[in-house]
Amino acid sequence: NKKYDLVLIKGVLIHVNPKELKKIYDKLYYYSNKYIYIAEYYNPTPIKLSYRGFKNKLFKRDFAGEILSRYKNLKLLDYGFAYHGDKYPQDDLNWFLIEKK
């Protein structure tokens, strides 16, 4: 029954079977009191990619857009891009800060 001011997910949604995403969105929404932070690979339309030689293990899509469409009381506050060449190396990904009103 705990809720949190910030619920964060990074690099997880890209590996979730798209049929299961609504359940994950529901949990992110439910456990958030105020903010949801999503940091994942992005693509404007859903695509599947090979991952370490496996099929159906990596998905890119507009995760933030989907959760914003699902819950009308969410508002996009900010977004950006993390670049692998930054001083803190990581994968290239997009991040989205969403507020729950």
PDB file of N, CA and C in Angstrom:
ATOM      1  N   ASN A   1       0.809  -1.212   0.000  1.00  0.00           N
ATOM      2  CA  ASN A   1       0.000   0.000   0.000  1.00  0.00           C
ATOM      3  C   ASN A   1       0.849   1.273   0.000  1.00  0.00           C
ATOM      4  N   LYS A   2       2.183   1.128  -0.002  1.00  0.00           N
ATOM      5  CA  LYS A   2       3.056   2.302  -0.001  1.00  0.00           C
ATOM      6  C   LYS A   2       2.996   3.015  -1.338  1.00  0.00           C
ATOM      7  N   LYS A   3       3.121   4.340  -1.267  1.00  0.00           N
ATOM      8  CA  LYS A   3       3.233   5.166  -2.465  1.00  0.00           C
ATOM      9  C   LYS A   3       4.486   6.015  -2.317  1.00  0.00           C
ATOM     10  N   TYR A   4       5.031   6.453  -3.428  1.00  0.00           N
ATOM     11  CA  TYR A   4       6.301   7.161  -3.431  1.00  0.00           C
ATOM     12  C   TYR A   4       6.177   8.465  -4.208  1.00  0.00           C
ATOM     13  N   ASP A   5       6.947   9.472  -3.776  1.00  0.00           N
ATOM     14  CA  ASP A   5       6.925  10.749  -4.479  1.00  0.00           C
ATOM     15  C   ASP A   5       7.481  10.620  -5.894  1.00  0.00           C
ATOM     16  N   LEU A   6       8.459   9.744  -6.067  1.00  0.00           N
ATOM     17  CA  LEU A   6       9.053   9.511  -7.376  1.00  0.00           C
ATOM     18  C   LEU A   6       9.130   8.013  -7.639  1.00  0.00           C
ATOM     19  N   VAL A   7       8.589   7.596  -8.765  1.00  0.00           N
ATOM     20  CA  VAL A   7       8.719   6.222  -9.241  1.00  0.00           C
ATOM     21  C   VAL A   7       9.581   6.291 -10.503  1.00  0.00           C
ATOM     22  N   LEU A   8      10.659   5.510 -10.526  1.00  0.00           N
ATOM     23  CA  LEU A   8      11.629   5.569 -11.611  1.00  0.00           C
ATOM     24  C   LEU A   8      11.753   4.201 -12.269  1.00  0.00           C
ATOM     25  N   ILE A   9      11.818   4.211 -13.591  1.00  0.00           N
ATOM     26  CA  ILE A   9      12.101   2.978 -14.326  1.00  0.00           C
ATOM     27  C   ILE A   9      13.083   3.326 -15.433  1.00  0.00           C
ATOM     28  N   LYS A  10      14.168   2.549 -15.517  1.00  0.00           N
ATOM     29  CA  LYS A  10      15.224   2.821 -16.497  1.00  0.00           C
ATOM     30  C   LYS A  10      15.728   1.504 -17.073  1.00  0.00           C
ATOM     31  N   GLY A  11      15.607   1.369 -18.386  1.00  0.00           N
ATOM     32  CA  GLY A  11      16.154   0.206 -19.064  1.00  0.00           C
ATOM     33  C   GLY A  11      15.434  -1.094 -18.787  1.00  0.00           C
ATOM     34  N   VAL A  12      14.195  -1.008 -18.364  1.00  0.00           N
ATOM     35  CA  VAL A  12      13.405  -2.210 -18.064  1.00  0.00           C
ATOM     36  C   VAL A  12      12.293  -2.388 -19.097  1.00  0.00           C
ATOM     37  N   LEU A  13      11.580  -1.321 -19.386  1.00  0.00           N
ATOM     38  CA  LEU A  13      10.433  -1.404 -20.298  1.00  0.00           C
ATOM     39  C   LEU A  13      10.832  -1.935 -21.670  1.00  0.00           C
ATOM     40  N   ILE A  14      12.055  -1.655 -22.094  1.00  0.00           N
ATOM     41  CA  ILE A  14      12.511  -2.108 -23.414  1.00  0.00           C
ATOM     42  C   ILE A  14      12.563  -3.630 -23.519  1.00  0.00           C
ATOM     43  N   HIS A  15      12.572  -4.318 -22.373  1.00  0.00           N
ATOM     44  CA  HIS A  15      12.645  -5.779 -22.376  1.00  0.00           C
ATOM     45  C   HIS A  15      11.315  -6.445 -22.015  1.00  0.00           C
ATOM     46  N   VAL A  16      10.290  -5.664 -21.785  1.00  0.00           N
ATOM     47  CA  VAL A  16       8.978  -6.200 -21.411  1.00  0.00           C
ATOM     48  C   VAL A  16       8.184  -6.503 -22.685  1.00  0.00           C
ATOM     49  N   ASN A  17       7.598  -7.681 -22.722  1.00  0.00           N
ATOM     50  CA  ASN A  17       6.731  -8.032 -23.845  1.00  0.00           C
ATOM     51  C   ASN A  17       5.635  -6.965 -23.952  1.00  0.00           C
ATOM     52  N   PRO A  18       5.437  -6.396 -25.132  1.00  0.00           N
ATOM     53  CA  PRO A  18       4.436  -5.332 -25.281  1.00  0.00           C
ATOM     54  C   PRO A  18       3.043  -5.701 -24.766  1.00  0.00           C
ATOM     55  N   LYS A  19       2.692  -6.982 -24.770  1.00  0.00           N
ATOM     56  CA  LYS A  19       1.385  -7.405 -24.257  1.00  0.00           C
ATOM     57  C   LYS A  19       1.271  -7.172 -22.751  1.00  0.00           C
ATOM     58  N   GLU A  20       2.402  -7.037 -22.069  1.00  0.00           N
ATOM     59  CA  GLU A  20       2.427  -6.864 -20.619  1.00  0.00           C
ATOM     60  C   GLU A  20       2.604  -5.406 -20.182  1.00  0.00           C
ATOM     61  N   LEU A  21       2.813  -4.503 -21.117  1.00  0.00           N
ATOM     62  CA  LEU A  21       3.132  -3.115 -20.762  1.00  0.00           C
ATOM     63  C   LEU A  21       2.037  -2.424 -19.957  1.00  0.00           C
ATOM     64  N   LYS A  22       0.778  -2.669 -20.274  1.00  0.00           N
ATOM     65  CA  LYS A  22      -0.303  -2.003 -19.542  1.00  0.00           C
ATOM     66  C   LYS A  22      -0.244  -2.313 -18.054  1.00  0.00           C
ATOM     67  N   LYS A  23       0.125  -3.533 -17.707  1.00  0.00           N
ATOM     68  CA  LYS A  23       0.263  -3.903 -16.293  1.00  0.00           C
ATOM     69  C   LYS A  23       1.374  -3.096 -15.624  1.00  0.00           C
ATOM     70  N   ILE A  24       2.482  -2.926 -16.336  1.00  0.00           N
ATOM     71  CA  ILE A  24       3.611  -2.160 -15.789  1.00  0.00           C
ATOM     72  C   ILE A  24       3.221  -0.685 -15.669  1.00  0.00           C
ATOM     73  N   TYR A  25       2.561  -0.135 -16.683  1.00  0.00           N
ATOM     74  CA  TYR A  25       2.102   1.260 -16.608  1.00  0.00           C
ATOM     75  C   TYR A  25       1.174   1.446 -15.407  1.00  0.00           C
ATOM     76  N   ASP A  26       0.276   0.492 -15.190  1.00  0.00           N
ATOM     77  CA  ASP A  26      -0.646   0.566 -14.050  1.00  0.00           C
ATOM     78  C   ASP A  26       0.125   0.617 -12.731  1.00  0.00           C
ATOM     79  N   LYS A  27       1.174  -0.180 -12.618  1.00  0.00           N
ATOM     80  CA  LYS A  27       1.967  -0.191 -11.379  1.00  0.00           C
ATOM     81  C   LYS A  27       2.737   1.113 -11.201  1.00  0.00           C
ATOM     82  N   LEU A  28       3.331   1.621 -12.266  1.00  0.00           N
ATOM     83  CA  LEU A  28       4.032   2.902 -12.171  1.00  0.00           C
ATOM     84  C   LEU A  28       3.073   3.992 -11.700  1.00  0.00           C
ATOM     85  N   TYR A  29       1.898   4.010 -12.289  1.00  0.00           N
ATOM     86  CA  TYR A  29       0.893   5.011 -11.943  1.00  0.00           C
ATOM     87  C   TYR A  29       0.417   4.835 -10.496  1.00  0.00           C
ATOM     88  N   TYR A  30       0.113   3.618 -10.126  1.00  0.00           N
ATOM     89  CA  TYR A  30      -0.429   3.350  -8.796  1.00  0.00           C
ATOM     90  C   TYR A  30       0.555   3.743  -7.690  1.00  0.00           C
ATOM     91  N   TYR A  31       1.818   3.397  -7.854  1.00  0.00           N
ATOM     92  CA  TYR A  31       2.798   3.634  -6.789  1.00  0.00           C
ATOM     93  C   TYR A  31       3.321   5.069  -6.738  1.00  0.00           C
ATOM     94  N   SER A  32       2.964   5.878  -7.709  1.00  0.00           N
ATOM     95  CA  SER A  32       3.424   7.267  -7.736  1.00  0.00           C
ATOM     96  C   SER A  32       2.443   8.205  -7.030  1.00  0.00           C
ATOM     97  N   ASN A  33       2.967   8.976  -6.087  1.00  0.00           N
ATOM     98  CA  ASN A  33       2.200  10.074  -5.493  1.00  0.00           C
ATOM     99  C   ASN A  33       2.298  11.330  -6.346  1.00  0.00           C
ATOM    100  N   LYS A  34       3.472  11.552  -6.968  1.00  0.00           N
ATOM    101  CA  LYS A  34       3.724  12.841  -7.604  1.00  0.00           C
ATOM    102  C   LYS A  34       4.407  12.735  -8.976  1.00  0.00           C
ATOM    103  N   TYR A  35       5.492  11.953  -9.067  1.00  0.00           N
ATOM    104  CA  TYR A  35       6.278  11.940 -10.297  1.00  0.00           C
ATOM    105  C   TYR A  35       6.554  10.517 -10.780  1.00  0.00           C
ATOM    106  N   ILE A  36       6.651  10.394 -12.111  1.00  0.00           N
ATOM    107  CA  ILE A  36       7.097   9.171 -12.766  1.00  0.00           C
ATOM    108  C   ILE A  36       8.241   9.564 -13.693  1.00  0.00           C
ATOM    109  N   TYR A  37       9.350   8.855 -13.579  1.00  0.00           N
ATOM    110  CA  TYR A  37      10.517   9.118 -14.416  1.00  0.00           C
ATOM    111  C   TYR A  37      10.770   7.880 -15.261  1.00  0.00           C
ATOM    112  N   ILE A  38      10.757   8.051 -16.577  1.00  0.00           N
ATOM    113  CA  ILE A  38      10.972   6.954 -17.507  1.00  0.00           C
ATOM    114  C   ILE A  38      12.233   7.249 -18.311  1.00  0.00           C
ATOM    115  N   ALA A  39      13.183   6.320 -18.324  1.00  0.00           N
ATOM    116  CA  ALA A  39      14.406   6.459 -19.114  1.00  0.00           C
ATOM    117  C   ALA A  39      14.596   5.162 -19.898  1.00  0.00           C
ATOM    118  N   GLU A  40      14.349   5.223 -21.185  1.00  0.00           N
ATOM    119  CA  GLU A  40      14.357   4.031 -22.029  1.00  0.00           C
ATOM    120  C   GLU A  40      14.800   4.401 -23.446  1.00  0.00           C
ATOM    121  N   TYR A  41      15.102   3.387 -24.251  1.00  0.00           N
ATOM    122  CA  TYR A  41      15.278   3.625 -25.673  1.00  0.00           C
ATOM    123  C   TYR A  41      13.942   4.123 -26.216  1.00  0.00           C
ATOM    124  N   TYR A  42      14.013   4.986 -27.231  1.00  0.00           N
ATOM    125  CA  TYR A  42      12.792   5.596 -27.763  1.00  0.00           C
ATOM    126  C   TYR A  42      12.693   5.348 -29.265  1.00  0.00           C
ATOM    127  N   ASN A  43      11.469   5.152 -29.713  1.00  0.00           N
ATOM    128  CA  ASN A  43      11.149   5.167 -31.134  1.00  0.00           C
ATOM    129  C   ASN A  43       9.703   5.639 -31.261  1.00  0.00           C
ATOM    130  N   PRO A  44       9.401   6.509 -32.218  1.00  0.00           N
ATOM    131  CA  PRO A  44       8.032   7.026 -32.323  1.00  0.00           C
ATOM    132  C   PRO A  44       6.996   5.961 -32.655  1.00  0.00           C
ATOM    133  N   THR A  45       7.417   4.897 -33.329  1.00  0.00           N
ATOM    134  CA  THR A  45       6.519   3.763 -33.592  1.00  0.00           C
ATOM    135  C   THR A  45       7.174   2.506 -33.030  1.00  0.00           C
ATOM    136  N   PRO A  46       6.379   1.580 -32.519  1.00  0.00           N
ATOM    137  CA  PRO A  46       6.956   0.369 -31.913  1.00  0.00           C
ATOM    138  C   PRO A  46       7.770  -0.460 -32.906  1.00  0.00           C
ATOM    139  N   ILE A  47       8.954  -0.878 -32.447  1.00  0.00           N
ATOM    140  CA  ILE A  47       9.787  -1.780 -33.251  1.00  0.00           C
ATOM    141  C   ILE A  47      10.409  -2.842 -32.337  1.00  0.00           C
ATOM    142  N   LYS A  48      10.732  -3.992 -32.936  1.00  0.00           N
ATOM    143  CA  LYS A  48      11.438  -5.074 -32.243  1.00  0.00           C
ATOM    144  C   LYS A  48      12.852  -5.118 -32.793  1.00  0.00           C
ATOM    145  N   LEU A  49      13.815  -5.367 -31.913  1.00  0.00           N
ATOM    146  CA  LEU A  49      15.206  -5.497 -32.338  1.00  0.00           C
ATOM    147  C   LEU A  49      15.793  -6.785 -31.776  1.00  0.00           C
ATOM    148  N   SER A  50      16.809  -7.280 -32.437  1.00  0.00           N
ATOM    149  CA  SER A  50      17.542  -8.427 -31.914  1.00  0.00           C
ATOM    150  C   SER A  50      18.353  -7.956 -30.708  1.00  0.00           C
ATOM    151  N   TYR A  51      18.424  -8.783 -29.674  1.00  0.00           N
ATOM    152  CA  TYR A  51      19.166  -8.439 -28.465  1.00  0.00           C
ATOM    153  C   TYR A  51      20.060  -9.608 -28.078  1.00  0.00           C
ATOM    154  N   ARG A  52      21.365  -9.405 -28.241  1.00  0.00           N
ATOM    155  CA  ARG A  52      22.346 -10.441 -27.907  1.00  0.00           C
ATOM    156  C   ARG A  52      22.012 -11.781 -28.575  1.00  0.00           C
ATOM    157  N   GLY A  53      21.569 -11.669 -29.824  1.00  0.00           N
ATOM    158  CA  GLY A  53      21.251 -12.866 -30.590  1.00  0.00           C
ATOM    159  C   GLY A  53      19.856 -13.419 -30.397  1.00  0.00           C
ATOM    160  N   PHE A  54      19.058 -12.797 -29.548  1.00  0.00           N
ATOM    161  CA  PHE A  54      17.703 -13.272 -29.274  1.00  0.00           C
ATOM    162  C   PHE A  54      16.673 -12.370 -29.952  1.00  0.00           C
ATOM    163  N   LYS A  55      15.590 -12.974 -30.402  1.00  0.00           N
ATOM    164  CA  LYS A  55      14.468 -12.217 -30.968  1.00  0.00           C
ATOM    165  C   LYS A  55      13.439 -11.968 -29.877  1.00  0.00           C
ATOM    166  N   ASN A  56      12.655 -10.913 -30.040  1.00  0.00           N
ATOM    167  CA  ASN A  56      11.565 -10.567 -29.111  1.00  0.00           C
ATOM    168  C   ASN A  56      12.049 -10.339 -27.681  1.00  0.00           C
ATOM    169  N   LYS A  57      13.232  -9.739 -27.558  1.00  0.00           N
ATOM    170  CA  LYS A  57      13.779  -9.426 -26.235  1.00  0.00           C
ATOM    171  C   LYS A  57      14.103  -7.944 -26.072  1.00  0.00           C
ATOM    172  N   LEU A  58      13.961  -7.158 -27.144  1.00  0.00           N
ATOM    173  CA  LEU A  58      14.234  -5.723 -27.068  1.00  0.00           C
ATOM    174  C   LEU A  58      13.209  -4.985 -27.923  1.00  0.00           C
ATOM    175  N   PHE A  59      12.537  -4.037 -27.290  1.00  0.00           N
ATOM    176  CA  PHE A  59      11.477  -3.288 -27.953  1.00  0.00           C
ATOM    177  C   PHE A  59      11.710  -1.795 -27.734  1.00  0.00           C
ATOM    178  N   LYS A  60      11.551  -1.042 -28.796  1.00  0.00           N
ATOM    179  CA  LYS A  60      11.604   0.423 -28.684  1.00  0.00           C
ATOM    180  C   LYS A  60      10.221   0.951 -29.032  1.00  0.00           C
ATOM    181  N   ARG A  61       9.803   1.984 -28.318  1.00  0.00           N
ATOM    182  CA  ARG A  61       8.509   2.608 -28.600  1.00  0.00           C
ATOM    183  C   ARG A  61       8.436   3.894 -27.802  1.00  0.00           C
ATOM    184  N   ASP A  62       7.324   4.584 -27.874  1.00  0.00           N
ATOM    185  CA  ASP A  62       7.099   5.813 -27.122  1.00  0.00           C
ATOM    186  C   ASP A  62       6.423   5.457 -25.791  1.00  0.00           C
ATOM    187  N   PHE A  63       7.212   4.942 -24.847  1.00  0.00           N
ATOM    188  CA  PHE A  63       6.666   4.518 -23.559  1.00  0.00           C
ATOM    189  C   PHE A  63       6.001   5.684 -22.828  1.00  0.00           C
ATOM    190  N   ALA A  64       6.653   6.826 -22.812  1.00  0.00           N
ATOM    191  CA  ALA A  64       6.090   7.980 -22.103  1.00  0.00           C
ATOM    192  C   ALA A  64       4.778   8.429 -22.746  1.00  0.00           C
ATOM    193  N   GLY A  65       4.744   8.472 -24.059  1.00  0.00           N
ATOM    194  CA  GLY A  65       3.515   8.855 -24.751  1.00  0.00           C
ATOM    195  C   GLY A  65       2.367   7.915 -24.446  1.00  0.00           C
ATOM    196  N   GLU A  66       2.686   6.638 -24.334  1.00  0.00           N
ATOM    197  CA  GLU A  66       1.642   5.657 -24.045  1.00  0.00           C
ATOM    198  C   GLU A  66       1.078   5.842 -22.636  1.00  0.00           C
ATOM    199  N   ILE A  67       1.934   6.048 -21.654  1.00  0.00           N
ATOM    200  CA  ILE A  67       1.424   6.216 -20.290  1.00  0.00           C
ATOM    201  C   ILE A  67       0.699   7.558 -20.147  1.00  0.00           C
ATOM    202  N   LEU A  68       1.170   8.585 -20.851  1.00  0.00           N
ATOM    203  CA  LEU A  68       0.472   9.881 -20.822  1.00  0.00           C
ATOM    204  C   LEU A  68      -0.927   9.763 -21.440  1.00  0.00           C
ATOM    205  N   SER A  69      -1.062   8.969 -22.470  1.00  0.00           N
ATOM    206  CA  SER A  69      -2.373   8.761 -23.103  1.00  0.00           C
ATOM    207  C   SER A  69      -3.293   7.921 -22.228  1.00  0.00           C
ATOM    208  N   ARG A  70      -2.708   7.025 -21.467  1.00  0.00           N
ATOM    209  CA  ARG A  70      -3.492   6.097 -20.645  1.00  0.00           C
ATOM    210  C   ARG A  70      -4.125   6.794 -19.439  1.00  0.00           C
ATOM    211  N   TYR A  71      -3.427   7.760 -18.863  1.00  0.00           N
ATOM    212  CA  TYR A  71      -3.901   8.444 -17.647  1.00  0.00           C
ATOM    213  C   TYR A  71      -3.976   9.945 -17.917  1.00  0.00           C
ATOM    214  N   LYS A  72      -5.161  10.463 -17.923  1.00  0.00           N
ATOM    215  CA  LYS A  72      -5.381  11.861 -18.318  1.00  0.00           C
ATOM    216  C   LYS A  72      -4.891  12.878 -17.296  1.00  0.00           C
ATOM    217  N   ASN A  73      -4.617  12.443 -16.055  1.00  0.00           N
ATOM    218  CA  ASN A  73      -4.151  13.410 -15.052  1.00  0.00           C
ATOM    219  C   ASN A  73      -2.622  13.432 -14.960  1.00  0.00           C
ATOM    220  N   LEU A  74      -1.941  12.894 -15.969  1.00  0.00           N
ATOM    221  CA  LEU A  74      -0.485  12.984 -16.038  1.00  0.00           C
ATOM    222  C   LEU A  74      -0.086  14.109 -16.974  1.00  0.00           C
ATOM    223  N   LYS A  75       1.012  14.778 -16.625  1.00  0.00           N
ATOM    224  CA  LYS A  75       1.499  15.901 -17.425  1.00  0.00           C
ATOM    225  C   LYS A  75       3.003  15.746 -17.625  1.00  0.00           C
ATOM    226  N   LEU A  76       3.463  15.891 -18.851  1.00  0.00           N
ATOM    227  CA  LEU A  76       4.886  15.851 -19.148  1.00  0.00           C
ATOM    228  C   LEU A  76       5.537  17.143 -18.667  1.00  0.00           C
ATOM    229  N   LEU A  77       6.479  17.040 -17.726  1.00  0.00           N
ATOM    230  CA  LEU A  77       7.171  18.218 -17.191  1.00  0.00           C
ATOM    231  C   LEU A  77       8.447  18.546 -17.949  1.00  0.00           C
ATOM    232  N   ASP A  78       9.201  17.505 -18.302  1.00  0.00           N
ATOM    233  CA  ASP A  78      10.477  17.728 -18.975  1.00  0.00           C
ATOM    234  C   ASP A  78      10.907  16.427 -19.636  1.00  0.00           C
ATOM    235  N   TYR A  79      11.817  16.535 -20.561  1.00  0.00           N
ATOM    236  CA  TYR A  79      12.356  15.360 -21.232  1.00  0.00           C
ATOM    237  C   TYR A  79      13.724  15.708 -21.783  1.00  0.00           C
ATOM    238  N   GLY A  80      14.507  14.683 -22.091  1.00  0.00           N
ATOM    239  CA  GLY A  80      15.833  14.924 -22.634  1.00  0.00           C
ATOM    240  C   GLY A  80      16.447  13.655 -23.170  1.00  0.00           C
ATOM    241  N   PHE A  81      17.702  13.785 -23.529  1.00  0.00           N
ATOM    242  CA  PHE A  81      18.441  12.696 -24.150  1.00  0.00           C
ATOM    243  C   PHE A  81      19.746  12.508 -23.393  1.00  0.00           C
ATOM    244  N   ALA A  82      20.057  11.279 -23.037  1.00  0.00           N
ATOM    245  CA  ALA A  82      21.342  10.954 -22.420  1.00  0.00           C
ATOM    246  C   ALA A  82      22.226  10.347 -23.510  1.00  0.00           C
ATOM    247  N   TYR A  83      23.408  10.894 -23.655  1.00  0.00           N
ATOM    248  CA  TYR A  83      24.309  10.533 -24.744  1.00  0.00           C
ATOM    249  C   TYR A  83      25.463   9.667 -24.232  1.00  0.00           C
ATOM    250  N   HIS A  84      25.782   8.622 -24.976  1.00  0.00           N
ATOM    251  CA  HIS A  84      26.846   7.702 -24.555  1.00  0.00           C
ATOM    252  C   HIS A  84      28.208   8.385 -24.429  1.00  0.00           C
ATOM    253  N   GLY A  85      28.382   9.537 -25.063  1.00  0.00           N
ATOM    254  CA  GLY A  85      29.657  10.251 -25.004  1.00  0.00           C
ATOM    255  C   GLY A  85      29.761  11.252 -23.863  1.00  0.00           C
ATOM    256  N   ASP A  86      28.736  11.321 -23.013  1.00  0.00           N
ATOM    257  CA  ASP A  86      28.779  12.208 -21.849  1.00  0.00           C
ATOM    258  C   ASP A  86      29.906  11.813 -20.909  1.00  0.00           C
ATOM    259  N   LYS A  87      30.149  12.661 -19.921  1.00  0.00           N
ATOM    260  CA  LYS A  87      31.218  12.345 -18.968  1.00  0.00           C
ATOM    261  C   LYS A  87      30.862  11.149 -18.089  1.00  0.00           C
ATOM    262  N   TYR A  88      29.579  10.770 -18.021  1.00  0.00           N
ATOM    263  CA  TYR A  88      29.140   9.560 -17.326  1.00  0.00           C
ATOM    264  C   TYR A  88      28.589   8.606 -18.378  1.00  0.00           C
ATOM    265  N   PRO A  89      29.452   7.806 -19.004  1.00  0.00           N
ATOM    266  CA  PRO A  89      29.026   6.974 -20.139  1.00  0.00           C
ATOM    267  C   PRO A  89      27.876   6.026 -19.802  1.00  0.00           C
ATOM    268  N   GLN A  90      27.004   5.864 -20.766  1.00  0.00           N
ATOM    269  CA  GLN A  90      25.863   4.964 -20.672  1.00  0.00           C
ATOM    270  C   GLN A  90      25.317   4.762 -22.066  1.00  0.00           C
ATOM    271  N   ASP A  91      24.253   4.015 -22.203  1.00  0.00           N
ATOM    272  CA  ASP A  91      23.585   3.876 -23.492  1.00  0.00           C
ATOM    273  C   ASP A  91      22.887   5.185 -23.844  1.00  0.00           C
ATOM    274  N   ASP A  92      22.712   5.417 -25.133  1.00  0.00           N
ATOM    275  CA  ASP A  92      21.876   6.536 -25.564  1.00  0.00           C
ATOM    276  C   ASP A  92      20.437   6.210 -25.194  1.00  0.00           C
ATOM    277  N   LEU A  93      19.759   7.144 -24.544  1.00  0.00           N
ATOM    278  CA  LEU A  93      18.355   6.926 -24.206  1.00  0.00           C
ATOM    279  C   LEU A  93      17.655   8.255 -24.008  1.00  0.00           C
ATOM    280  N   ASN A  94      16.366   8.206 -24.052  1.00  0.00           N
ATOM    281  CA  ASN A  94      15.544   9.380 -23.777  1.00  0.00           C
ATOM    282  C   ASN A  94      14.959   9.251 -22.393  1.00  0.00           C
ATOM    283  N   TRP A  95      14.846  10.389 -21.689  1.00  0.00           N
ATOM    284  CA  TRP A  95      14.223  10.371 -20.374  1.00  0.00           C
ATOM    285  C   TRP A  95      13.041  11.345 -20.366  1.00  0.00           C
ATOM    286  N   PHE A  96      12.070  11.024 -19.523  1.00  0.00           N
ATOM    287  CA  PHE A  96      10.830  11.792 -19.431  1.00  0.00           C
ATOM    288  C   PHE A  96      10.458  11.924 -17.963  1.00  0.00           C
ATOM    289  N   LEU A  97      10.210  13.140 -17.533  1.00  0.00           N
ATOM    290  CA  LEU A  97       9.720  13.386 -16.174  1.00  0.00           C
ATOM    291  C   LEU A  97       8.248  13.761 -16.278  1.00  0.00           C
ATOM    292  N   ILE A  98       7.413  12.962 -15.632  1.00  0.00           N
ATOM    293  CA  ILE A  98       5.968  13.102 -15.728  1.00  0.00           C
ATOM    294  C   ILE A  98       5.418  13.411 -14.347  1.00  0.00           C
ATOM    295  N   GLU A  99       4.473  14.358 -14.262  1.00  0.00           N
ATOM    296  CA  GLU A  99       3.858  14.717 -13.004  1.00  0.00           C
ATOM    297  C   GLU A  99       2.445  14.147 -12.933  1.00  0.00           C
ATOM    298  N   LYS A 100       2.108  13.630 -11.776  1.00  0.00           N
ATOM    299  CA  LYS A 100       0.761  13.127 -11.516  1.00  0.00           C
ATOM    300  C   LYS A 100       0.014  14.217 -10.782  1.00  0.00           C
ATOM    301  N   LYS A 101      -1.097  14.684 -11.353  1.00  0.00           N
ATOM    302  CA  LYS A 101      -1.861  15.773 -10.746  1.00  0.00           C
ATOM    303  C   LYS A 101      -3.050  15.255  -9.993  1.00  0.00           C
TER     304      LYS A 101
END
